[in-house]
Protein backbone atom coordinates (compact mmCIF):
# COMPACT_ATOMS: atom_id res chain seq x y z
CA MET A 1 -69.39 69.20 89.63
CA ARG A 2 -66.51 69.01 92.06
CA TYR A 3 -63.49 66.80 91.49
CA LEU A 4 -60.48 65.89 93.59
CA LEU A 5 -57.14 65.60 91.83
CA LEU A 6 -54.92 63.24 93.82
CA ILE A 7 -51.30 63.69 92.82
CA ARG A 8 -49.36 60.45 93.34
CA GLY A 9 -45.70 59.78 92.73
CA ASP A 10 -42.74 57.72 93.81
CA GLU A 11 -39.69 59.06 95.65
CA SER A 12 -38.41 60.79 92.50
CA ALA A 13 -41.49 63.05 92.52
CA ALA A 14 -40.15 64.65 95.71
CA LEU A 15 -37.43 66.23 93.56
CA HIS A 16 -40.16 68.45 92.09
CA ALA A 17 -41.57 69.60 95.44
CA ASP A 18 -39.94 73.03 95.24
CA ASP A 19 -40.93 73.59 91.60
CA GLY A 20 -44.39 74.81 92.52
CA CYS A 21 -47.03 74.48 89.85
CA GLY A 22 -45.39 76.65 87.22
CA GLY A 23 -48.30 79.09 87.05
CA TRP A 24 -50.95 76.34 86.81
CA SER A 25 -52.67 77.43 90.05
CA GLU A 26 -52.89 81.05 88.91
CA ARG A 27 -54.30 80.03 85.49
CA MET A 28 -56.89 77.74 87.08
CA LEU A 29 -57.91 80.44 89.57
CA GLU A 30 -58.40 82.86 86.66
CA ARG A 31 -60.55 80.24 84.89
CA GLY A 32 -62.57 79.83 88.08
CA VAL A 33 -62.04 76.07 88.42
CA LEU A 34 -59.54 75.81 91.30
CA ARG A 35 -61.22 75.70 94.72
CA GLY A 36 -58.30 74.63 96.90
CA GLY A 37 -55.40 72.27 97.27
CA GLY A 38 -51.90 71.82 98.55
CA GLY A 39 -48.87 69.64 98.82
CA LEU A 40 -48.47 67.09 101.58
CA ARG A 41 -45.53 66.45 103.89
CA PRO A 42 -43.76 63.09 103.33
CA PRO A 43 -45.73 59.93 104.19
CA ALA A 44 -43.22 58.99 106.91
CA GLU A 45 -44.33 62.09 108.86
CA GLY A 46 -48.01 61.13 108.80
CA LYS A 47 -50.20 59.01 111.05
CA ALA A 48 -53.07 56.65 110.32
CA VAL A 49 -56.13 56.57 112.58
CA ARG A 50 -58.31 53.49 112.97
CA VAL A 51 -61.00 52.67 115.50
CA ARG A 52 -61.78 48.98 115.88
CA ARG A 53 -64.09 47.65 118.58
CA ARG A 54 -64.05 51.14 120.10
CA GLN A 55 -60.26 50.93 120.45
CA LEU A 56 -58.15 53.73 118.94
CA MET A 57 -55.16 52.51 116.94
CA LEU A 58 -52.55 54.94 115.65
CA CYS A 59 -49.91 53.92 113.14
CA ASP A 60 -46.91 55.80 111.78
CA GLY A 61 -46.67 56.24 107.99
CA PRO A 62 -46.14 55.31 105.25
CA PHE A 63 -49.39 53.43 105.02
CA ALA A 64 -49.79 51.89 101.58
CA GLU A 65 -47.77 48.96 100.27
CA THR A 66 -47.05 50.70 97.01
CA LYS A 67 -44.30 52.65 95.32
CA GLU A 68 -46.56 55.66 94.74
CA GLN A 69 -47.83 57.83 97.58
CA VAL A 70 -50.22 60.79 97.57
CA GLY A 71 -48.11 63.93 97.56
CA GLY A 72 -50.73 66.61 97.01
CA PHE A 73 -54.28 67.39 95.99
CA CYS A 74 -56.39 69.96 94.19
CA LEU A 75 -60.10 70.55 94.53
CA ILE A 76 -61.59 71.75 91.25
CA GLU A 77 -65.05 72.54 89.95
CA CYS A 78 -65.78 71.73 86.31
CA ALA A 79 -68.76 71.16 84.02
CA GLY A 80 -67.95 67.46 83.75
CA MET A 81 -65.30 64.74 83.74
CA GLU A 82 -63.97 65.75 80.31
CA GLU A 83 -63.10 69.25 81.53
CA ALA A 84 -61.70 67.86 84.80
CA LEU A 85 -59.38 65.55 82.85
CA ALA A 86 -58.22 68.45 80.67
CA VAL A 87 -57.47 70.53 83.78
CA ALA A 88 -55.53 67.61 85.30
CA ALA A 89 -53.56 67.12 82.08
CA GLU A 90 -52.41 70.76 82.27
CA HIS A 91 -50.97 70.29 85.78
CA PRO A 92 -47.15 70.09 85.70
CA ALA A 93 -47.22 67.01 87.97
CA ALA A 94 -48.81 65.05 85.13
CA THR A 95 -45.35 65.02 83.49
CA TYR A 96 -43.63 63.19 86.37
CA ALA A 97 -46.42 61.68 88.52
CA THR A 98 -49.93 60.24 88.25
CA ILE A 99 -53.00 62.41 88.78
CA GLU A 100 -56.10 60.49 89.81
CA VAL A 101 -59.33 62.38 89.06
CA ARG A 102 -62.32 61.54 91.29
CA GLU A 103 -65.74 63.19 91.36
CA LEU A 104 -67.03 64.11 94.81
CA TRP A 105 -70.49 63.03 95.92
CA PRO A 106 -72.95 65.91 95.72
CA GLN A 107 -73.44 67.78 98.99
CA PRO A 108 -76.95 67.62 100.46
């Protein structure tokens, strides 16, 4: 099963942006669970796309009325949610941010 790890943090999480993953990515690649991922540029540099009544609306970021913003993601493949949670708990970002674990819908 495939899972998306959404790494969310407040402004203080940006202090860790240059820390990398402390070898986590390499360990997860060796285990065969990491399928992809990356860090995101700051929310203020992003855009939001909406189409309403066939009208394109673009908005500058940030987009959510919250203190935490998505700062990165990892796509993993695990036997089940229990393993996915264990993989997320090993990520260094779990010590200073929140990692949301979501299963992807199966592909047809």
